[in-house]
PDB file of N, CA and C in Angstrom:
ATOM      1  N   UNK A   1      -0.691 -19.889  -7.023  1.00  0.00           N
ATOM      2  CA  UNK A   1      -0.510 -19.452  -5.667  1.00  0.00           C
ATOM      3  C   UNK A   1      -0.500 -17.927  -5.633  1.00  0.00           C
ATOM      4  N   UNK A   2      -1.210 -17.331  -4.717  1.00  0.00           N
ATOM      5  CA  UNK A   2      -1.282 -15.884  -4.591  1.00  0.00           C
ATOM      6  C   UNK A   2      -0.350 -15.440  -3.473  1.00  0.00           C
ATOM      7  N   UNK A   3       0.473 -14.445  -3.779  1.00  0.00           N
ATOM      8  CA  UNK A   3       1.378 -13.903  -2.763  1.00  0.00           C
ATOM      9  C   UNK A   3       0.604 -12.932  -1.887  1.00  0.00           C
ATOM     10  N   UNK A   4       0.569 -13.169  -0.602  1.00  0.00           N
ATOM     11  CA  UNK A   4      -0.113 -12.286   0.333  1.00  0.00           C
ATOM     12  C   UNK A   4       0.927 -11.395   1.001  1.00  0.00           C
ATOM     13  N   UNK A   5       0.827 -10.118   0.796  1.00  0.00           N
ATOM     14  CA  UNK A   5       1.748  -9.165   1.388  1.00  0.00           C
ATOM     15  C   UNK A   5       0.943  -8.030   1.985  1.00  0.00           C
ATOM     16  N   UNK A   6       1.283  -7.640   3.199  1.00  0.00           N
ATOM     17  CA  UNK A   6       0.602  -6.517   3.829  1.00  0.00           C
ATOM     18  C   UNK A   6       1.619  -5.561   4.404  1.00  0.00           C
ATOM     19  N   UNK A   7       1.339  -4.290   4.297  1.00  0.00           N
ATOM     20  CA  UNK A   7       2.127  -3.242   4.930  1.00  0.00           C
ATOM     21  C   UNK A   7       1.111  -2.295   5.540  1.00  0.00           C
ATOM     22  N   UNK A   8       1.283  -1.915   6.781  1.00  0.00           N
ATOM     23  CA  UNK A   8       0.289  -1.068   7.420  1.00  0.00           C
ATOM     24  C   UNK A   8       0.833   0.326   7.697  1.00  0.00           C
ATOM     25  N   UNK A   9      -0.051   1.288   7.656  1.00  0.00           N
ATOM     26  CA  UNK A   9       0.258   2.657   8.012  1.00  0.00           C
ATOM     27  C   UNK A   9      -0.678   2.997   9.154  1.00  0.00           C
ATOM     28  N   UNK A  10      -0.140   3.130  10.357  1.00  0.00           N
ATOM     29  CA  UNK A  10      -0.959   3.334  11.540  1.00  0.00           C
ATOM     30  C   UNK A  10      -0.886   4.788  11.986  1.00  0.00           C
ATOM     31  N   UNK A  11      -2.014   5.327  12.438  1.00  0.00           N
ATOM     32  CA  UNK A  11      -2.064   6.701  12.920  1.00  0.00           C
ATOM     33  C   UNK A  11      -2.285   6.692  14.422  1.00  0.00           C
ATOM     34  N   UNK A  12      -1.367   7.285  15.166  1.00  0.00           N
ATOM     35  CA  UNK A  12      -1.492   7.372  16.609  1.00  0.00           C
ATOM     36  C   UNK A  12      -1.525   8.841  16.996  1.00  0.00           C
ATOM     37  N   UNK A  13      -2.572   9.240  17.682  1.00  0.00           N
ATOM     38  CA  UNK A  13      -2.774  10.619  18.119  1.00  0.00           C
ATOM     39  C   UNK A  13      -2.804  11.552  16.905  1.00  0.00           C
ATOM     40  N   UNK A  14      -2.849  12.818  17.160  1.00  0.00           N
ATOM     41  CA  UNK A  14      -2.909  13.782  16.074  1.00  0.00           C
ATOM     42  C   UNK A  14      -1.532  14.339  15.733  1.00  0.00           C
ATOM     43  N   UNK A  15      -0.518  14.059  16.564  1.00  0.00           N
ATOM     44  CA  UNK A  15       0.787  14.656  16.352  1.00  0.00           C
ATOM     45  C   UNK A  15       1.718  13.815  15.496  1.00  0.00           C
ATOM     46  N   UNK A  16       1.442  12.531  15.339  1.00  0.00           N
ATOM     47  CA  UNK A  16       2.297  11.711  14.496  1.00  0.00           C
ATOM     48  C   UNK A  16       1.537  10.491  13.994  1.00  0.00           C
ATOM     49  N   UNK A  17       2.068   9.908  12.958  1.00  0.00           N
ATOM     50  CA  UNK A  17       1.571   8.643  12.439  1.00  0.00           C
ATOM     51  C   UNK A  17       2.750   7.689  12.417  1.00  0.00           C
ATOM     52  N   UNK A  18       2.456   6.419  12.578  1.00  0.00           N
ATOM     53  CA  UNK A  18       3.495   5.407  12.523  1.00  0.00           C
ATOM     54  C   UNK A  18       3.228   4.494  11.349  1.00  0.00           C
ATOM     55  N   UNK A  19       4.251   4.272  10.552  1.00  0.00           N
ATOM     56  CA  UNK A  19       4.155   3.332   9.446  1.00  0.00           C
ATOM     57  C   UNK A  19       4.758   2.029   9.926  1.00  0.00           C
ATOM     58  N   UNK A  20       3.972   0.968   9.874  1.00  0.00           N
ATOM     59  CA  UNK A  20       4.432  -0.350  10.311  1.00  0.00           C
ATOM     60  C   UNK A  20       4.505  -1.269   9.104  1.00  0.00           C
ATOM     61  N   UNK A  21       5.692  -1.758   8.804  1.00  0.00           N
ATOM     62  CA  UNK A  21       5.885  -2.687   7.698  1.00  0.00           C
ATOM     63  C   UNK A  21       5.751  -4.101   8.260  1.00  0.00           C
ATOM     64  N   UNK A  22       4.626  -4.735   7.992  1.00  0.00           N
ATOM     65  CA  UNK A  22       4.390  -6.076   8.526  1.00  0.00           C
ATOM     66  C   UNK A  22       4.816  -7.173   7.561  1.00  0.00           C
ATOM     67  N   UNK A  23       5.477  -6.792   6.463  1.00  0.00           N
ATOM     68  CA  UNK A  23       5.919  -7.781   5.487  1.00  0.00           C
ATOM     69  C   UNK A  23       7.295  -8.313   5.844  1.00  0.00           C
ATOM     70  N   UNK A  24       7.724  -9.312   5.132  1.00  0.00           N
ATOM     71  CA  UNK A  24       9.056  -9.873   5.302  1.00  0.00           C
ATOM     72  C   UNK A  24      10.078  -9.198   4.423  1.00  0.00           C
ATOM     73  N   UNK A  25       9.683  -8.101   3.723  1.00  0.00           N
ATOM     74  CA  UNK A  25      10.590  -7.392   2.827  1.00  0.00           C
ATOM     75  C   UNK A  25      10.620  -5.922   3.201  1.00  0.00           C
ATOM     76  N   UNK A  26      11.723  -5.214   2.893  1.00  0.00           N
ATOM     77  CA  UNK A  26      11.764  -3.783   3.160  1.00  0.00           C
ATOM     78  C   UNK A  26      10.663  -3.054   2.393  1.00  0.00           C
ATOM     79  N   UNK A  27      10.152  -1.968   2.971  1.00  0.00           N
ATOM     80  CA  UNK A  27       9.138  -1.140   2.322  1.00  0.00           C
ATOM     81  C   UNK A  27       9.717   0.253   2.106  1.00  0.00           C
ATOM     82  N   UNK A  28       9.291   0.929   1.055  1.00  0.00           N
ATOM     83  CA  UNK A  28       9.748   2.281   0.753  1.00  0.00           C
ATOM     84  C   UNK A  28       8.532   3.198   0.732  1.00  0.00           C
ATOM     85  N   UNK A  29       8.589   4.258   1.531  1.00  0.00           N
ATOM     86  CA  UNK A  29       7.507   5.232   1.589  1.00  0.00           C
ATOM     87  C   UNK A  29       8.115   6.593   1.263  1.00  0.00           C
ATOM     88  N   UNK A  30       7.472   7.325   0.356  1.00  0.00           N
ATOM     89  CA  UNK A  30       7.998   8.610  -0.086  1.00  0.00           C
ATOM     90  C   UNK A  30       8.204   9.532   1.109  1.00  0.00           C
ATOM     91  N   UNK A  31       9.388  10.111   1.228  1.00  0.00           N
ATOM     92  CA  UNK A  31       9.710  11.033   2.305  1.00  0.00           C
ATOM     93  C   UNK A  31      10.116  10.375   3.615  1.00  0.00           C
ATOM     94  N   UNK A  32      10.073   9.042   3.694  1.00  0.00           N
ATOM     95  CA  UNK A  32      10.401   8.340   4.934  1.00  0.00           C
ATOM     96  C   UNK A  32      11.641   7.470   4.755  1.00  0.00           C
ATOM     97  N   UNK A  33      11.946   7.118   3.536  1.00  0.00           N
ATOM     98  CA  UNK A  33      13.043   6.217   3.205  1.00  0.00           C
ATOM     99  C   UNK A  33      12.625   4.773   3.472  1.00  0.00           C
ATOM    100  N   UNK A  34      13.589   3.904   3.639  1.00  0.00           N
ATOM    101  CA  UNK A  34      13.288   2.481   3.788  1.00  0.00           C
ATOM    102  C   UNK A  34      12.842   2.144   5.207  1.00  0.00           C
ATOM    103  N   UNK A  35      11.868   1.259   5.279  1.00  0.00           N
ATOM    104  CA  UNK A  35      11.424   0.714   6.554  1.00  0.00           C
ATOM    105  C   UNK A  35      11.742  -0.774   6.516  1.00  0.00           C
ATOM    106  N   UNK A  36      12.547  -1.231   7.443  1.00  0.00           N
ATOM    107  CA  UNK A  36      12.976  -2.622   7.462  1.00  0.00           C
ATOM    108  C   UNK A  36      11.790  -3.566   7.603  1.00  0.00           C
ATOM    109  N   UNK A  37      11.989  -4.805   7.181  1.00  0.00           N
ATOM    110  CA  UNK A  37      10.960  -5.824   7.361  1.00  0.00           C
ATOM    111  C   UNK A  37      10.595  -5.876   8.839  1.00  0.00           C
ATOM    112  N   UNK A  38       9.311  -5.897   9.115  1.00  0.00           N
ATOM    113  CA  UNK A  38       8.768  -5.912  10.490  1.00  0.00           C
ATOM    114  C   UNK A  38       9.130  -4.654  11.279  1.00  0.00           C
ATOM    115  N   UNK A  39       9.575  -3.581  10.591  1.00  0.00           N
ATOM    116  CA  UNK A  39       9.995  -2.352  11.261  1.00  0.00           C
ATOM    117  C   UNK A  39       8.891  -1.303  11.319  1.00  0.00           C
ATOM    118  N   UNK A  40       9.162  -0.187  12.002  1.00  0.00           N
ATOM    119  CA  UNK A  40       8.215   0.910  12.179  1.00  0.00           C
ATOM    120  C   UNK A  40       8.962   2.240  12.069  1.00  0.00           C
ATOM    121  N   UNK A  41       8.267   3.277  11.576  1.00  0.00           N
ATOM    122  CA  UNK A  41       8.800   4.635  11.530  1.00  0.00           C
ATOM    123  C   UNK A  41       7.666   5.600  11.831  1.00  0.00           C
ATOM    124  N   UNK A  42       7.967   6.661  12.577  1.00  0.00           N
ATOM    125  CA  UNK A  42       7.001   7.720  12.827  1.00  0.00           C
ATOM    126  C   UNK A  42       7.139   8.780  11.751  1.00  0.00           C
ATOM    127  N   UNK A  43       6.006   9.328  11.330  1.00  0.00           N
ATOM    128  CA  UNK A  43       5.985  10.367  10.306  1.00  0.00           C
ATOM    129  C   UNK A  43       5.031  11.461  10.754  1.00  0.00           C
ATOM    130  N   UNK A  44       5.162  12.641  10.146  1.00  0.00           N
ATOM    131  CA  UNK A  44       4.268  13.748  10.455  1.00  0.00           C
ATOM    132  C   UNK A  44       2.853  13.413   9.984  1.00  0.00           C
ATOM    133  N   UNK A  45       1.842  13.903  10.698  1.00  0.00           N
ATOM    134  CA  UNK A  45       0.471  13.604  10.301  1.00  0.00           C
ATOM    135  C   UNK A  45       0.082  14.367   9.038  1.00  0.00           C
ATOM    136  N   UNK A  46      -0.908  13.882   8.372  1.00  0.00           N
ATOM    137  CA  UNK A  46      -1.463  14.562   7.215  1.00  0.00           C
ATOM    138  C   UNK A  46      -2.958  14.366   7.220  1.00  0.00           C
ATOM    139  N   UNK A  47      -3.646  15.259   6.582  1.00  0.00           N
ATOM    140  CA  UNK A  47      -5.093  15.117   6.548  1.00  0.00           C
ATOM    141  C   UNK A  47      -5.509  13.999   5.597  1.00  0.00           C
ATOM    142  N   UNK A  48      -4.701  13.775   4.588  1.00  0.00           N
ATOM    143  CA  UNK A  48      -5.033  12.735   3.617  1.00  0.00           C
ATOM    144  C   UNK A  48      -3.743  12.148   3.061  1.00  0.00           C
ATOM    145  N   UNK A  49      -3.834  10.929   2.603  1.00  0.00           N
ATOM    146  CA  UNK A  49      -2.729  10.252   1.950  1.00  0.00           C
ATOM    147  C   UNK A  49      -3.192   9.810   0.573  1.00  0.00           C
ATOM    148  N   UNK A  50      -2.258   9.799  -0.388  1.00  0.00           N
ATOM    149  CA  UNK A  50      -2.521   9.250  -1.707  1.00  0.00           C
ATOM    150  C   UNK A  50      -1.733   7.958  -1.840  1.00  0.00           C
ATOM    151  N   UNK A  51      -2.318   7.002  -2.540  1.00  0.00           N
ATOM    152  CA  UNK A  51      -1.665   5.710  -2.743  1.00  0.00           C
ATOM    153  C   UNK A  51      -1.806   5.327  -4.209  1.00  0.00           C
ATOM    154  N   UNK A  52      -0.721   4.835  -4.793  1.00  0.00           N
ATOM    155  CA  UNK A  52      -0.812   4.145  -6.076  1.00  0.00           C
ATOM    156  C   UNK A  52       0.107   2.945  -6.003  1.00  0.00           C
ATOM    157  N   UNK A  53      -0.035   2.038  -6.952  1.00  0.00           N
ATOM    158  CA  UNK A  53       0.730   0.794  -6.919  1.00  0.00           C
ATOM    159  C   UNK A  53       1.308   0.494  -8.299  1.00  0.00           C
ATOM    160  N   UNK A  54       2.385  -0.297  -8.285  1.00  0.00           N
ATOM    161  CA  UNK A  54       3.040  -0.736  -9.517  1.00  0.00           C
ATOM    162  C   UNK A  54       3.331  -2.221  -9.418  1.00  0.00           C
ATOM    163  N   UNK A  55       3.257  -2.887 -10.570  1.00  0.00           N
ATOM    164  CA  UNK A  55       3.577  -4.311 -10.643  1.00  0.00           C
ATOM    165  C   UNK A  55       4.334  -4.554 -11.943  1.00  0.00           C
ATOM    166  N   UNK A  56       5.347  -5.418 -11.882  1.00  0.00           N
ATOM    167  CA  UNK A  56       6.070  -5.833 -13.084  1.00  0.00           C
ATOM    168  C   UNK A  56       5.847  -7.329 -13.261  1.00  0.00           C
ATOM    169  N   UNK A  57       5.338  -7.692 -14.428  1.00  0.00           N
ATOM    170  CA  UNK A  57       5.076  -9.099 -14.737  1.00  0.00           C
ATOM    171  C   UNK A  57       6.363  -9.784 -15.187  1.00  0.00           C
ATOM    172  N   UNK A  58       6.399 -11.104 -15.155  1.00  0.00           N
ATOM    173  CA  UNK A  58       7.609 -11.831 -15.565  1.00  0.00           C
ATOM    174  C   UNK A  58       8.077 -11.504 -16.984  1.00  0.00           C
ATOM    175  N   UNK A  59       7.156 -11.077 -17.866  1.00  0.00           N
ATOM    176  CA  UNK A  59       7.552 -10.732 -19.235  1.00  0.00           C
ATOM    177  C   UNK A  59       8.167  -9.342 -19.333  1.00  0.00           C
ATOM    178  N   UNK A  60       8.258  -8.627 -18.192  1.00  0.00           N
ATOM    179  CA  UNK A  60       8.875  -7.302 -18.174  1.00  0.00           C
ATOM    180  C   UNK A  60       7.900  -6.146 -18.267  1.00  0.00           C
ATOM    181  N   UNK A  61       6.640  -6.412 -18.572  1.00  0.00           N
ATOM    182  CA  UNK A  61       5.648  -5.341 -18.638  1.00  0.00           C
ATOM    183  C   UNK A  61       5.337  -4.828 -17.239  1.00  0.00           C
ATOM    184  N   UNK A  62       5.307  -3.497 -17.092  1.00  0.00           N
ATOM    185  CA  UNK A  62       5.002  -2.861 -15.818  1.00  0.00           C
ATOM    186  C   UNK A  62       3.676  -2.136 -15.927  1.00  0.00           C
ATOM    187  N   UNK A  63       2.846  -2.287 -14.906  1.00  0.00           N
ATOM    188  CA  UNK A  63       1.544  -1.638 -14.849  1.00  0.00           C
ATOM    189  C   UNK A  63       1.490  -0.741 -13.622  1.00  0.00           C
ATOM    190  N   UNK A  64       0.861   0.435 -13.759  1.00  0.00           N
ATOM    191  CA  UNK A  64       0.640   1.367 -12.658  1.00  0.00           C
ATOM    192  C   UNK A  64      -0.856   1.581 -12.483  1.00  0.00           C
ATOM    193  N   UNK A  65      -1.278   1.770 -11.244  1.00  0.00           N
ATOM    194  CA  UNK A  65      -2.678   2.104 -10.989  1.00  0.00           C
ATOM    195  C   UNK A  65      -2.843   3.617 -10.988  1.00  0.00           C
ATOM    196  N   UNK A  66      -4.081   4.059 -11.056  1.00  0.00           N
ATOM    197  CA  UNK A  66      -4.381   5.458 -10.807  1.00  0.00           C
ATOM    198  C   UNK A  66      -4.249   5.690  -9.310  1.00  0.00           C
ATOM    199  N   UNK A  67      -3.821   6.887  -8.895  1.00  0.00           N
ATOM    200  CA  UNK A  67      -3.746   7.149  -7.453  1.00  0.00           C
ATOM    201  C   UNK A  67      -5.145   7.289  -6.849  1.00  0.00           C
ATOM    202  N   UNK A  68      -5.261   6.892  -5.601  1.00  0.00           N
ATOM    203  CA  UNK A  68      -6.497   7.116  -4.859  1.00  0.00           C
ATOM    204  C   UNK A  68      -6.145   7.905  -3.603  1.00  0.00           C
ATOM    205  N   UNK A  69      -7.068   8.748  -3.156  1.00  0.00           N
ATOM    206  CA  UNK A  69      -6.861   9.563  -1.966  1.00  0.00           C
ATOM    207  C   UNK A  69      -7.585   8.918  -0.799  1.00  0.00           C
ATOM    208  N   UNK A  70      -6.865   8.773   0.313  1.00  0.00           N
ATOM    209  CA  UNK A  70      -7.430   8.192   1.524  1.00  0.00           C
ATOM    210  C   UNK A  70      -7.580   9.297   2.564  1.00  0.00           C
ATOM    211  N   UNK A  71      -8.768   9.858   2.681  1.00  0.00           N
ATOM    212  CA  UNK A  71      -9.009  10.927   3.658  1.00  0.00           C
ATOM    213  C   UNK A  71      -9.269  10.334   5.033  1.00  0.00           C
ATOM    214  N   UNK A  72      -9.749   9.098   5.069  1.00  0.00           N
ATOM    215  CA  UNK A  72     -10.066   8.421   6.319  1.00  0.00           C
ATOM    216  C   UNK A  72      -8.837   7.640   6.778  1.00  0.00           C
ATOM    217  N   UNK A  73      -8.502   7.720   8.056  1.00  0.00           N
ATOM    218  CA  UNK A  73      -7.309   7.043   8.577  1.00  0.00           C
ATOM    219  C   UNK A  73      -7.519   5.553   8.787  1.00  0.00           C
ATOM    220  N   UNK A  74      -8.705   5.038   8.544  1.00  0.00           N
ATOM    221  CA  UNK A  74      -8.966   3.611   8.713  1.00  0.00           C
ATOM    222  C   UNK A  74      -9.409   3.034   7.369  1.00  0.00           C
ATOM    223  N   UNK A  75      -8.431   2.562   6.589  1.00  0.00           N
ATOM    224  CA  UNK A  75      -8.700   2.055   5.247  1.00  0.00           C
ATOM    225  C   UNK A  75      -7.876   0.805   4.974  1.00  0.00           C
ATOM    226  N   UNK A  76      -8.410  -0.079   4.143  1.00  0.00           N
ATOM    227  CA  UNK A  76      -7.649  -1.184   3.585  1.00  0.00           C
ATOM    228  C   UNK A  76      -7.549  -0.938   2.084  1.00  0.00           C
ATOM    229  N   UNK A  77      -6.331  -0.933   1.562  1.00  0.00           N
ATOM    230  CA  UNK A  77      -6.094  -0.740   0.129  1.00  0.00           C
ATOM    231  C   UNK A  77      -5.595  -2.068  -0.418  1.00  0.00           C
ATOM    232  N   UNK A  78      -6.343  -2.615  -1.368  1.00  0.00           N
ATOM    233  CA  UNK A  78      -6.026  -3.940  -1.915  1.00  0.00           C
ATOM    234  C   UNK A  78      -5.661  -3.825  -3.395  1.00  0.00           C
ATOM    235  N   UNK A  79      -4.514  -4.409  -3.759  1.00  0.00           N
ATOM    236  CA  UNK A  79      -4.083  -4.476  -5.154  1.00  0.00           C
ATOM    237  C   UNK A  79      -4.517  -5.809  -5.735  1.00  0.00           C
ATOM    238  N   UNK A  80      -5.098  -5.763  -6.938  1.00  0.00           N
ATOM    239  CA  UNK A  80      -5.517  -7.004  -7.597  1.00  0.00           C
ATOM    240  C   UNK A  80      -5.131  -6.960  -9.068  1.00  0.00           C
ATOM    241  N   UNK A  81      -4.867  -8.132  -9.615  1.00  0.00           N
ATOM    242  CA  UNK A  81      -4.513  -8.291 -11.023  1.00  0.00           C
ATOM    243  C   UNK A  81      -5.397  -9.385 -11.591  1.00  0.00           C
ATOM    244  N   UNK A  82      -6.195  -9.011 -12.610  1.00  0.00           N
ATOM    245  CA  UNK A  82      -7.105  -9.965 -13.234  1.00  0.00           C
ATOM    246  C   UNK A  82      -6.746 -10.053 -14.714  1.00  0.00           C
ATOM    247  N   UNK A  83      -6.653 -11.276 -15.228  1.00  0.00           N
ATOM    248  CA  UNK A  83      -6.382 -11.482 -16.650  1.00  0.00           C
ATOM    249  C   UNK A  83      -7.612 -12.102 -17.293  1.00  0.00           C
ATOM    250  N   UNK A  84      -8.118 -11.437 -18.334  1.00  0.00           N
ATOM    251  CA  UNK A  84      -9.262 -11.939 -19.094  1.00  0.00           C
ATOM    252  C   UNK A  84      -8.923 -11.891 -20.578  1.00  0.00           C
ATOM    253  N   UNK A  85      -8.900 -13.041 -21.204  1.00  0.00           N
ATOM    254  CA  UNK A  85      -8.635 -13.137 -22.640  1.00  0.00           C
ATOM    255  C   UNK A  85      -7.339 -12.416 -23.038  1.00  0.00           C
ATOM    256  N   UNK A  86      -6.309 -12.560 -22.221  1.00  0.00           N
ATOM    257  CA  UNK A  86      -5.020 -11.968 -22.542  1.00  0.00           C
ATOM    258  C   UNK A  86      -4.886 -10.494 -22.185  1.00  0.00           C
ATOM    259  N   UNK A  87      -5.924  -9.900 -21.599  1.00  0.00           N
ATOM    260  CA  UNK A  87      -5.889  -8.494 -21.197  1.00  0.00           C
ATOM    261  C   UNK A  87      -5.804  -8.430 -19.675  1.00  0.00           C
ATOM    262  N   UNK A  88      -4.825  -7.654 -19.172  1.00  0.00           N
ATOM    263  CA  UNK A  88      -4.626  -7.541 -17.737  1.00  0.00           C
ATOM    264  C   UNK A  88      -5.293  -6.288 -17.197  1.00  0.00           C
ATOM    265  N   UNK A  89      -5.929  -6.426 -16.047  1.00  0.00           N
ATOM    266  CA  UNK A  89      -6.523  -5.300 -15.332  1.00  0.00           C
ATOM    267  C   UNK A  89      -5.882  -5.255 -13.952  1.00  0.00           C
ATOM    268  N   UNK A  90      -5.041  -4.244 -13.719  1.00  0.00           N
ATOM    269  CA  UNK A  90      -4.361  -4.069 -12.435  1.00  0.00           C
ATOM    270  C   UNK A  90      -4.941  -2.835 -11.767  1.00  0.00           C
ATOM    271  N   UNK A  91      -5.452  -3.004 -10.554  1.00  0.00           N
ATOM    272  CA  UNK A  91      -6.068  -1.867  -9.881  1.00  0.00           C
ATOM    273  C   UNK A  91      -5.920  -1.986  -8.368  1.00  0.00           C
ATOM    274  N   UNK A  92      -6.164  -0.859  -7.700  1.00  0.00           N
ATOM    275  CA  UNK A  92      -6.251  -0.846  -6.246  1.00  0.00           C
ATOM    276  C   UNK A  92      -7.628  -0.325  -5.878  1.00  0.00           C
ATOM    277  N   UNK A  93      -8.135  -0.825  -4.767  1.00  0.00           N
ATOM    278  CA  UNK A  93      -9.437  -0.395  -4.268  1.00  0.00           C
ATOM    279  C   UNK A  93      -9.336  -0.193  -2.769  1.00  0.00           C
ATOM    280  N   UNK A  94     -10.017   0.846  -2.269  1.00  0.00           N
ATOM    281  CA  UNK A  94     -10.026   1.131  -0.829  1.00  0.00           C
ATOM    282  C   UNK A  94     -11.378   0.744  -0.243  1.00  0.00           C
ATOM    283  N   UNK A  95     -11.320   0.116   0.912  1.00  0.00           N
ATOM    284  CA  UNK A  95     -12.522  -0.247   1.655  1.00  0.00           C
ATOM    285  C   UNK A  95     -12.295   0.155   3.120  1.00  0.00           C
ATOM    286  N   UNK A  96     -13.365   0.241   3.905  1.00  0.00           N
ATOM    287  CA  UNK A  96     -13.169   0.575   5.321  1.00  0.00           C
ATOM    288  C   UNK A  96     -12.224  -0.426   5.984  1.00  0.00           C
ATOM    289  N   UNK A  97     -11.333   0.093   6.807  1.00  0.00           N
ATOM    290  CA  UNK A  97     -10.339  -0.745   7.460  1.00  0.00           C
ATOM    291  C   UNK A  97     -10.871  -1.412   8.714  1.00  0.00           C
ATOM    292  N   UNK A  98     -10.212  -2.494   9.134  1.00  0.00           N
ATOM    293  CA  UNK A  98     -10.667  -3.231  10.304  1.00  0.00           C
ATOM    294  C   UNK A  98     -10.223  -2.613  11.634  1.00  0.00           C
ATOM    295  N   UNK A  99      -9.237  -1.707  11.581  1.00  0.00           N
ATOM    296  CA  UNK A  99      -8.690  -1.143  12.812  1.00  0.00           C
ATOM    297  C   UNK A  99      -8.760   0.376  12.764  1.00  0.00           C
ATOM    298  N   UNK A 100      -9.082   1.023  13.867  1.00  0.00           N
ATOM    299  CA  UNK A 100      -9.103   2.491  13.883  1.00  0.00           C
ATOM    300  C   UNK A 100      -7.712   3.058  13.626  1.00  0.00           C
ATOM    301  N   UNK A 101      -7.654   4.143  12.892  1.00  0.00           N
ATOM    302  CA  UNK A 101      -6.407   4.881  12.655  1.00  0.00           C
ATOM    303  C   UNK A 101      -5.303   4.034  12.047  1.00  0.00           C
ATOM    304  N   UNK A 102      -5.662   3.137  11.132  1.00  0.00           N
ATOM    305  CA  UNK A 102      -4.662   2.294  10.488  1.00  0.00           C
ATOM    306  C   UNK A 102      -5.002   2.119   9.025  1.00  0.00           C
ATOM    307  N   UNK A 103      -3.997   2.284   8.186  1.00  0.00           N
ATOM    308  CA  UNK A 103      -4.139   2.024   6.758  1.00  0.00           C
ATOM    309  C   UNK A 103      -3.372   0.743   6.465  1.00  0.00           C
ATOM    310  N   UNK A 104      -4.064  -0.251   5.905  1.00  0.00           N
ATOM    311  CA  UNK A 104      -3.463  -1.544   5.608  1.00  0.00           C
ATOM    312  C   UNK A 104      -3.368  -1.693   4.094  1.00  0.00           C
ATOM    313  N   UNK A 105      -2.179  -2.034   3.601  1.00  0.00           N
ATOM    314  CA  UNK A 105      -1.949  -2.263   2.179  1.00  0.00           C
ATOM    315  C   UNK A 105      -1.828  -3.764   1.957  1.00  0.00           C
ATOM    316  N   UNK A 106      -2.666  -4.300   1.049  1.00  0.00           N
ATOM    317  CA  UNK A 106      -2.728  -5.746   0.826  1.00  0.00           C
ATOM    318  C   UNK A 106      -2.467  -6.055  -0.645  1.00  0.00           C
ATOM    319  N   UNK A 107      -1.593  -7.018  -0.899  1.00  0.00           N
ATOM    320  CA  UNK A 107      -1.304  -7.491  -2.249  1.00  0.00           C
ATOM    321  C   UNK A 107      -1.999  -8.826  -2.469  1.00  0.00           C
ATOM    322  N   UNK A 108      -2.973  -8.849  -3.381  1.00  0.00           N
ATOM    323  CA  UNK A 108      -3.630 -10.106  -3.747  1.00  0.00           C
ATOM    324  C   UNK A 108      -3.168 -10.588  -5.118  1.00  0.00           C
ATOM    325  N   UNK A 109      -2.055 -10.049  -5.598  1.00  0.00           N
ATOM    326  CA  UNK A 109      -1.521 -10.408  -6.909  1.00  0.00           C
ATOM    327  C   UNK A 109      -0.529 -11.561  -6.768  1.00  0.00           C
ATOM    328  N   UNK A 110      -0.324 -12.318  -7.848  1.00  0.00           N
ATOM    329  CA  UNK A 110       0.635 -13.416  -7.797  1.00  0.00           C
ATOM    330  C   UNK A 110       2.092 -12.957  -7.887  1.00  0.00           C
ATOM    331  N   UNK A 111       2.312 -11.636  -8.048  1.00  0.00           N
ATOM    332  CA  UNK A 111       3.658 -11.072  -8.160  1.00  0.00           C
ATOM    333  C   UNK A 111       3.809  -9.931  -7.166  1.00  0.00           C
ATOM    334  N   UNK A 112       5.049  -9.557  -6.812  1.00  0.00           N
ATOM    335  CA  UNK A 112       5.249  -8.442  -5.881  1.00  0.00           C
ATOM    336  C   UNK A 112       4.653  -7.139  -6.412  1.00  0.00           C
ATOM    337  N   UNK A 113       4.107  -6.357  -5.501  1.00  0.00           N
ATOM    338  CA  UNK A 113       3.525  -5.056  -5.812  1.00  0.00           C
ATOM    339  C   UNK A 113       4.249  -4.007  -4.987  1.00  0.00           C
ATOM    340  N   UNK A 114       4.544  -2.867  -5.602  1.00  0.00           N
ATOM    341  CA  UNK A 114       5.110  -1.742  -4.891  1.00  0.00           C
ATOM    342  C   UNK A 114       4.020  -0.704  -4.680  1.00  0.00           C
ATOM    343  N   UNK A 115       3.701  -0.431  -3.419  1.00  0.00           N
ATOM    344  CA  UNK A 115       2.747   0.629  -3.071  1.00  0.00           C
ATOM    345  C   UNK A 115       3.543   1.902  -2.817  1.00  0.00           C
ATOM    346  N   UNK A 116       3.093   3.018  -3.362  1.00  0.00           N
ATOM    347  CA  UNK A 116       3.690   4.313  -3.070  1.00  0.00           C
ATOM    348  C   UNK A 116       2.662   5.137  -2.316  1.00  0.00           C
ATOM    349  N   UNK A 117       3.041   5.547  -1.095  1.00  0.00           N
ATOM    350  CA  UNK A 117       2.149   6.302  -0.228  1.00  0.00           C
ATOM    351  C   UNK A 117       2.747   7.687  -0.039  1.00  0.00           C
ATOM    352  N   UNK A 118       1.968   8.726  -0.321  1.00  0.00           N
ATOM    353  CA  UNK A 118       2.422  10.091  -0.122  1.00  0.00           C
ATOM    354  C   UNK A 118       1.406  10.851   0.699  1.00  0.00           C
ATOM    355  N   UNK A 119       1.884  11.792   1.490  1.00  0.00           N
ATOM    356  CA  UNK A 119       1.003  12.639   2.293  1.00  0.00           C
ATOM    357  C   UNK A 119       0.607  13.827   1.459  1.00  0.00           C
ATOM    358  N   UNK A 120      -0.682  14.096   1.355  1.00  0.00           N
ATOM    359  CA  UNK A 120      -1.173  15.236   0.563  1.00  0.00           C
ATOM    360  C   UNK A 120      -1.041  16.530   1.333  1.00  0.00           C
TER     361      UNK A 120
END
């Protein structure tokens, strides 16, 4: 079973951005503190955001992705974990987002993923 988790970062106007946590769990964004499940917070705008992700497997091993820069305000960032012959590949990839001025974070891994979003 794959755990589906999404957290969105929405941009409204040029004066502020709103981070919307659409998951059932609290989200943590650098410089914003905790955002309650289904909650929202406004943040200062930035020209670009960086995102990286972390996952801890049941055996205690933790994997981190390389950071990616999101210059476009409409992006979907998807975390995936693939195991081939006992070797794990954990990565995030950005694709064009479905909604204008919104960054959507999606977990396609079977375990919880922590996304860290920072304004550049």
